[in-house]
């Protein structure tokens, strides 16, 4: 009976009226407050504090959490809409890391009334986004700006904090990334332990990959917009270069990536929310697909603009760096591909 009830929704990627409005609100927010000048100015740290505070003021952090902990109970599809608009302007804020970590704390029962600042985004939480659990120092995507960091340590989920934040490590994704050594943390609290806690951490990793994939969809669509606009206005032999097959066909391929990636991300979000055991490989599959195709698409957009595209001042070059760098924040992309294979193999069995 349940399967029949949801059968149409499994194939339907359309948005509700509320979701359409939500997307429009955040599209306007990021377009007006995360301009390319703001993005460039934030590159030395990978973080714009003023933009983060404004974003939190819209409820972007609380919307992701259940009402039982002071959140608004938004769905994962809702969150993909925000992530897509964040990616469209390559906004220098650790929203994806924070909401995935905060949702993990909520599922573990470790987000109480005294954690209101986490719900509101005043206290930033990050997490180790690698699929393969490691020991010793590891790169944390938002480690240079996070007040607390969640990591796996054996069978424990541990919350770390430092009296002095570690210095940012330079990276091509222009993220506030840094090396974190759990043993060197000034404060260390075991949040939860055991198989169920580790399973919840795996859910957080799936959500991180899903929202990163959605952000890459927005990033790719913006690179397409920039490249197409250039192609329409650049002439050769009296015609726009957009009429040439060598230009128009690659741009059409990018449009296909955008639509297919968007559909895959929304489908993955719906299943992860409603039937997480039915298609567990969709979220990492969306990530693997966009991690590969976003870099290709951004490279094509740069090539369309020729010498202008590869200049340091080019908007396209800024998008290309992030298209290549953001997926690497989750460690080896091959680990995500292996997870996809394992998930789908398990479903077949």
Protein backbone atom coordinates (compact mmCIF):
# COMPACT_ATOMS: atom_id res chain seq x y z
CA UNK A 1 0.00 0.00 0.00
CA UNK A 2 2.79 2.39 0.89
CA UNK A 3 4.57 1.66 -2.38
CA UNK A 4 1.43 2.51 -4.39
CA UNK A 5 0.99 5.73 -2.45
CA UNK A 6 4.49 6.91 -3.28
CA UNK A 7 4.82 5.44 -6.75
CA UNK A 8 4.09 8.68 -8.60
CA UNK A 9 6.29 10.75 -6.32
CA UNK A 10 9.23 8.46 -7.06
CA UNK A 11 9.15 9.68 -10.67
CA UNK A 12 7.96 13.26 -10.11
CA UNK A 13 10.62 15.93 -9.64
CA UNK A 14 8.28 18.92 -9.76
CA UNK A 15 8.29 21.43 -6.92
CA UNK A 16 5.38 22.48 -4.76
CA UNK A 17 4.31 26.12 -4.67
CA UNK A 18 6.11 26.55 -1.33
CA UNK A 19 9.30 25.01 -2.71
CA UNK A 20 9.18 27.23 -5.78
CA UNK A 21 8.90 30.26 -3.51
CA UNK A 22 11.71 28.97 -1.29
CA UNK A 23 14.00 28.62 -4.29
CA UNK A 24 13.14 32.12 -5.49
CA UNK A 25 13.83 33.63 -2.07
CA UNK A 26 17.28 32.07 -1.81
CA UNK A 27 18.09 32.78 -5.44
CA UNK A 28 17.50 36.47 -4.74
CA UNK A 29 19.36 36.31 -1.44
CA UNK A 30 22.55 34.83 -2.86
CA UNK A 31 22.40 36.85 -6.09
CA UNK A 32 22.33 40.14 -4.18
CA UNK A 33 24.56 39.25 -1.22
CA UNK A 34 27.14 36.87 -2.68
CA UNK A 35 28.46 38.78 -5.66
CA UNK A 36 31.69 37.74 -7.34
CA UNK A 37 33.47 40.66 -5.63
CA UNK A 38 32.40 39.35 -2.21
CA UNK A 39 33.48 35.84 -3.18
CA UNK A 40 36.89 37.07 -4.31
CA UNK A 41 37.38 39.15 -1.16
CA UNK A 42 36.69 36.08 0.99
CA UNK A 43 39.22 33.82 -0.76
CA UNK A 44 42.06 34.30 1.76
CA UNK A 45 39.89 32.76 4.50
CA UNK A 46 37.24 30.90 2.52
CA UNK A 47 34.59 32.51 4.71
CA UNK A 48 32.54 35.70 4.75
CA UNK A 49 31.28 36.21 8.30
CA UNK A 50 28.83 38.95 7.35
CA UNK A 51 27.28 36.79 4.63
CA UNK A 52 27.05 33.86 7.06
CA UNK A 53 25.22 35.96 9.65
CA UNK A 54 22.79 37.23 7.03
CA UNK A 55 22.20 33.68 5.79
CA UNK A 56 21.53 32.43 9.32
CA UNK A 57 19.12 35.34 9.77
CA UNK A 58 16.96 33.87 6.99
CA UNK A 59 16.55 30.63 8.95
CA UNK A 60 18.75 28.62 6.60
CA UNK A 61 20.33 26.72 9.51
CA UNK A 62 17.23 26.20 11.63
CA UNK A 63 15.12 25.07 8.65
CA UNK A 64 17.25 21.96 8.35
CA UNK A 65 16.48 20.68 11.84
CA UNK A 66 13.44 18.92 13.34
CA UNK A 67 10.91 20.99 15.23
CA UNK A 68 11.70 19.05 18.41
CA UNK A 69 15.05 20.87 18.71
CA UNK A 70 13.84 24.29 17.59
CA UNK A 71 14.09 23.75 13.85
CA UNK A 72 11.56 24.12 11.06
CA UNK A 73 11.50 20.52 9.84
CA UNK A 74 12.44 21.19 6.22
CA UNK A 75 12.80 18.22 3.86
CA UNK A 76 16.01 17.26 2.11
CA UNK A 77 14.48 18.38 -1.19
CA UNK A 78 14.05 21.83 0.39
CA UNK A 79 17.70 21.80 1.40
CA UNK A 80 18.84 20.88 -2.12
CA UNK A 81 17.11 24.04 -3.36
CA UNK A 82 19.13 26.21 -0.98
CA UNK A 83 22.33 24.32 -1.81
CA UNK A 84 21.78 24.83 -5.53
CA UNK A 85 21.48 28.60 -5.11
CA UNK A 86 24.54 28.63 -2.83
CA UNK A 87 26.51 26.85 -5.56
CA UNK A 88 25.22 29.20 -8.24
CA UNK A 89 27.05 32.09 -6.57
CA UNK A 90 29.86 29.94 -5.05
CA UNK A 91 28.99 31.55 -1.72
CA UNK A 92 31.86 31.45 0.84
CA UNK A 93 29.85 30.00 3.75
CA UNK A 94 30.04 26.53 5.40
CA UNK A 95 26.28 25.97 5.24
CA UNK A 96 26.41 22.39 3.93
CA UNK A 97 28.90 21.24 6.56
CA UNK A 98 26.99 22.95 9.35
CA UNK A 99 23.52 21.65 8.53
CA UNK A 100 24.76 18.07 8.01
CA UNK A 101 26.65 18.13 11.31
CA UNK A 102 23.74 19.75 13.19
CA UNK A 103 21.28 17.22 11.78
CA UNK A 104 23.62 14.44 12.90
CA UNK A 105 23.70 15.84 16.44
CA UNK A 106 19.90 15.99 16.44
CA UNK A 107 19.58 12.36 15.33
CA UNK A 108 22.02 11.31 18.03
CA UNK A 109 19.99 13.14 20.67
CA UNK A 110 22.93 15.45 21.34
CA UNK A 111 21.28 18.74 20.43
CA UNK A 112 19.62 20.08 23.53
CA UNK A 113 18.13 23.35 24.70
CA UNK A 114 21.60 24.64 25.54
CA UNK A 115 22.59 24.26 21.87
CA UNK A 116 20.33 27.03 20.57
CA UNK A 117 23.35 28.77 19.08
CA UNK A 118 23.97 25.75 16.84
CA UNK A 119 20.36 25.82 15.65
CA UNK A 120 20.69 29.54 14.90
CA UNK A 121 24.10 29.17 13.27
CA UNK A 122 25.87 31.39 15.81
CA UNK A 123 27.99 28.36 16.69
CA UNK A 124 29.35 26.68 13.57
CA UNK A 125 29.69 22.90 13.48
CA UNK A 126 31.76 21.01 10.92
CA UNK A 127 32.45 17.36 10.27
CA UNK A 128 34.97 15.02 8.72
CA UNK A 129 33.39 14.40 5.31
CA UNK A 130 35.59 11.48 4.27
CA UNK A 131 33.83 8.19 3.67
CA UNK A 132 36.81 6.15 4.80
CA UNK A 133 37.35 6.50 8.53
CA UNK A 134 40.91 7.55 9.27
CA UNK A 135 43.07 7.95 12.35
CA UNK A 136 45.32 10.85 13.15
CA UNK A 137 45.18 14.26 11.40
CA UNK A 138 42.60 14.71 8.68
CA UNK A 139 41.47 17.58 6.42
CA UNK A 140 38.18 19.12 7.56
CA UNK A 141 36.39 21.27 4.93
CA UNK A 142 35.19 23.92 7.42
CA UNK A 143 37.78 23.27 10.12
CA UNK A 144 39.29 26.76 10.07
CA UNK A 145 35.98 28.46 10.99
CA UNK A 146 34.03 25.77 12.89
CA UNK A 147 33.53 26.13 16.63
CA UNK A 148 32.95 22.38 16.98
CA UNK A 149 33.96 19.51 14.71
CA UNK A 150 32.45 16.03 14.59
CA UNK A 151 34.73 13.11 13.74
CA UNK A 152 34.70 9.34 14.00
CA UNK A 153 37.19 7.77 16.36
CA UNK A 154 36.87 4.01 16.31
CA UNK A 155 33.28 3.28 17.35
CA UNK A 156 32.81 6.77 18.86
CA UNK A 157 31.43 9.99 17.42
CA UNK A 158 33.48 12.74 19.03
CA UNK A 159 32.93 16.49 19.22
CA UNK A 160 36.17 18.50 19.13
CA UNK A 161 36.88 22.14 19.84
CA UNK A 162 39.99 24.29 20.08
CA UNK A 163 40.77 27.33 22.20
CA UNK A 164 42.52 28.73 19.12
CA UNK A 165 41.24 27.68 15.71
CA UNK A 166 43.84 25.95 13.50
CA UNK A 167 45.13 28.01 10.59
CA UNK A 168 43.47 27.53 7.21
CA UNK A 169 45.21 25.29 4.66
CA UNK A 170 45.29 26.67 1.12
CA UNK A 171 43.18 24.63 -1.31
CA UNK A 172 41.85 24.98 -4.86
CA UNK A 173 38.24 24.91 -3.65
CA UNK A 174 38.87 28.12 -1.68
CA UNK A 175 37.27 26.48 1.36
CA UNK A 176 38.04 27.25 5.03
CA UNK A 177 39.77 23.88 5.13
CA UNK A 178 42.43 22.87 7.61
CA UNK A 179 44.21 19.89 9.12
CA UNK A 180 42.65 18.69 12.36
CA UNK A 181 44.34 16.29 14.74
CA UNK A 182 41.70 14.87 17.13
CA UNK A 183 44.38 14.05 19.68
CA UNK A 184 45.48 17.70 19.78
CA UNK A 185 42.01 19.12 20.49
CA UNK A 186 41.70 21.28 23.61
CA UNK A 187 38.22 19.91 24.29
CA UNK A 188 36.97 16.45 23.38
CA UNK A 189 33.52 15.01 24.08
CA UNK A 190 32.19 11.61 23.07
CA UNK A 191 28.74 12.31 21.64
CA UNK A 192 27.66 8.73 20.93
CA UNK A 193 29.14 5.28 20.47
CA UNK A 194 28.36 1.99 18.80
CA UNK A 195 27.08 0.68 15.49
CA UNK A 196 23.94 2.85 15.44
CA UNK A 197 25.96 6.01 16.02
CA UNK A 198 28.29 5.11 13.14
CA UNK A 199 25.27 4.38 10.94
CA UNK A 200 23.92 7.87 11.69
CA UNK A 201 27.30 9.32 10.76
CA UNK A 202 27.04 7.51 7.42
CA UNK A 203 23.68 9.21 6.89
CA UNK A 204 25.35 12.57 7.53
CA UNK A 205 27.96 11.72 4.89
CA UNK A 206 25.21 10.83 2.41
CA UNK A 207 23.52 14.15 3.13
CA UNK A 208 26.81 16.01 2.72
CA UNK A 209 27.35 14.40 -0.67
CA UNK A 210 23.78 15.05 -1.71
CA UNK A 211 23.89 18.75 -0.85
CA UNK A 212 27.33 19.15 -2.40
CA UNK A 213 25.96 17.58 -5.58
CA UNK A 214 23.06 20.05 -5.53
CA UNK A 215 25.50 22.94 -5.06
CA UNK A 216 27.47 21.70 -8.06
CA UNK A 217 24.27 21.73 -10.13
CA UNK A 218 23.88 25.44 -9.42
CA UNK A 219 27.56 26.03 -10.08
CA UNK A 220 27.39 24.27 -13.44
CA UNK A 221 24.23 26.11 -14.51
CA UNK A 222 25.87 29.45 -13.78
CA UNK A 223 28.97 28.52 -15.80
CA UNK A 224 26.60 27.64 -18.67
CA UNK A 225 24.91 31.03 -18.36
CA UNK A 226 28.24 32.87 -18.47
CA UNK A 227 29.57 30.83 -21.40
CA UNK A 228 26.34 31.05 -23.41
CA UNK A 229 26.15 34.81 -22.93
CA UNK A 230 29.72 35.14 -24.16
CA UNK A 231 29.03 32.90 -27.18
CA UNK A 232 25.97 34.91 -28.19
CA UNK A 233 27.92 38.17 -28.19
CA UNK A 234 31.23 37.03 -29.73
CA UNK A 235 31.25 36.98 -33.52
CA UNK A 236 33.44 35.25 -36.08
CA UNK A 237 33.02 35.62 -39.84
CA UNK A 238 29.93 37.71 -39.22
CA UNK A 239 28.02 35.17 -37.07
CA UNK A 240 27.84 34.54 -33.31
CA UNK A 241 30.16 31.74 -32.25
CA UNK A 242 27.14 30.18 -30.53
CA UNK A 243 25.93 29.08 -33.99
CA UNK A 244 29.03 26.94 -34.51
CA UNK A 245 28.64 23.26 -33.70
CA UNK A 246 31.98 23.21 -31.89
CA UNK A 247 30.51 25.69 -29.41
CA UNK A 248 26.77 24.97 -29.35
CA UNK A 249 27.02 21.20 -28.94
CA UNK A 250 29.31 21.31 -25.85
CA UNK A 251 27.03 23.97 -24.32
CA UNK A 252 24.02 21.74 -24.98
CA UNK A 253 25.83 18.91 -23.19
CA UNK A 254 26.25 21.16 -20.15
CA UNK A 255 22.50 21.87 -20.18
CA UNK A 256 21.90 18.11 -20.12
CA UNK A 257 24.24 17.76 -17.12
CA UNK A 258 22.33 20.47 -15.26
CA UNK A 259 18.91 18.91 -15.78
CA UNK A 260 19.96 15.32 -15.21
CA UNK A 261 22.03 16.26 -12.16
CA UNK A 262 19.16 18.26 -10.70
CA UNK A 263 16.70 15.40 -11.22
CA UNK A 264 19.10 12.90 -9.69
CA UNK A 265 19.76 15.10 -6.65
CA UNK A 266 16.05 15.66 -5.99
CA UNK A 267 15.27 11.98 -6.47
CA UNK A 268 18.08 11.06 -4.07
CA UNK A 269 16.81 13.62 -1.54
CA UNK A 270 13.27 12.25 -1.66
CA UNK A 271 14.37 8.65 -1.18
CA UNK A 272 16.79 9.56 1.61
CA UNK A 273 13.95 11.32 3.41
CA UNK A 274 11.13 8.85 2.76
CA UNK A 275 12.55 5.43 1.87
CA UNK A 276 16.24 5.45 2.84
CA UNK A 277 16.59 1.67 2.55
CA UNK A 278 15.13 1.40 -0.95
CA UNK A 279 17.70 3.33 -3.01
CA UNK A 280 20.63 3.99 -0.66
CA UNK A 281 23.07 4.50 -3.52
CA UNK A 282 21.33 7.52 -5.05
CA UNK A 283 22.94 10.21 -2.87
CA UNK A 284 26.54 9.07 -3.44
CA UNK A 285 25.66 8.46 -7.11
CA UNK A 286 24.54 12.09 -7.46
CA UNK A 287 27.81 13.18 -5.89
CA UNK A 288 29.98 10.98 -8.12
CA UNK A 289 28.13 12.13 -11.24
CA UNK A 290 28.36 15.84 -10.45
CA UNK A 291 31.94 15.61 -9.17
CA UNK A 292 33.00 14.36 -12.60
CA UNK A 293 30.66 16.33 -14.82
CA UNK A 294 30.98 19.67 -13.02
CA UNK A 295 34.71 19.78 -13.67
CA UNK A 296 34.15 18.92 -17.33
CA UNK A 297 31.42 21.51 -17.73
CA UNK A 298 33.41 24.27 -16.04
CA UNK A 299 36.41 23.44 -18.22
CA UNK A 300 34.24 23.68 -21.34
CA UNK A 301 32.92 27.06 -20.22
CA UNK A 302 36.47 28.31 -19.80
CA UNK A 303 37.45 27.02 -23.25
CA UNK A 304 34.48 28.74 -24.88
CA UNK A 305 35.84 32.07 -23.67
CA UNK A 306 39.36 31.39 -24.88
CA UNK A 307 42.09 33.51 -23.34
CA UNK A 308 39.59 35.48 -21.29
CA UNK A 309 38.33 32.30 -19.64
CA UNK A 310 41.73 31.26 -18.29
CA UNK A 311 42.62 34.68 -16.87
CA UNK A 312 42.84 34.96 -13.10
CA UNK A 313 40.15 37.67 -13.13
CA UNK A 314 37.68 35.56 -15.09
CA UNK A 315 34.44 34.53 -13.39
CA UNK A 316 34.67 31.20 -15.19
CA UNK A 317 38.07 30.44 -13.70
CA UNK A 318 36.68 31.00 -10.20
CA UNK A 319 33.92 28.48 -10.91
CA UNK A 320 36.36 26.00 -12.42
CA UNK A 321 38.52 25.99 -9.29
CA UNK A 322 35.53 25.22 -7.10
CA UNK A 323 34.11 22.65 -9.50
CA UNK A 324 37.36 20.75 -9.09
CA UNK A 325 37.98 21.52 -5.42
CA UNK A 326 34.64 21.15 -3.66
CA UNK A 327 34.23 17.40 -4.34
CA UNK A 328 37.75 16.75 -3.04
CA UNK A 329 36.67 18.04 0.37
CA UNK A 330 35.06 14.63 0.79
CA UNK A 331 38.32 12.79 0.27
CA UNK A 332 39.01 10.37 -2.55
CA UNK A 333 36.06 10.46 -5.02
CA UNK A 334 36.82 6.80 -5.69
CA UNK A 335 35.54 5.97 -2.21
CA UNK A 336 32.17 7.47 -3.12
CA UNK A 337 32.11 5.48 -6.35
CA UNK A 338 32.85 2.31 -4.40
CA UNK A 339 29.99 3.13 -2.01
CA UNK A 340 27.62 3.48 -4.97
CA UNK A 341 28.63 0.05 -6.23
CA UNK A 342 28.23 -1.50 -2.77
CA UNK A 343 24.77 0.03 -2.30
CA UNK A 344 23.41 -1.10 -5.63
CA UNK A 345 24.98 -4.54 -5.28
CA UNK A 346 23.28 -4.92 -1.90
CA UNK A 347 19.90 -3.93 -3.39
CA UNK A 348 20.29 -6.51 -6.16
CA UNK A 349 21.00 -9.23 -3.60
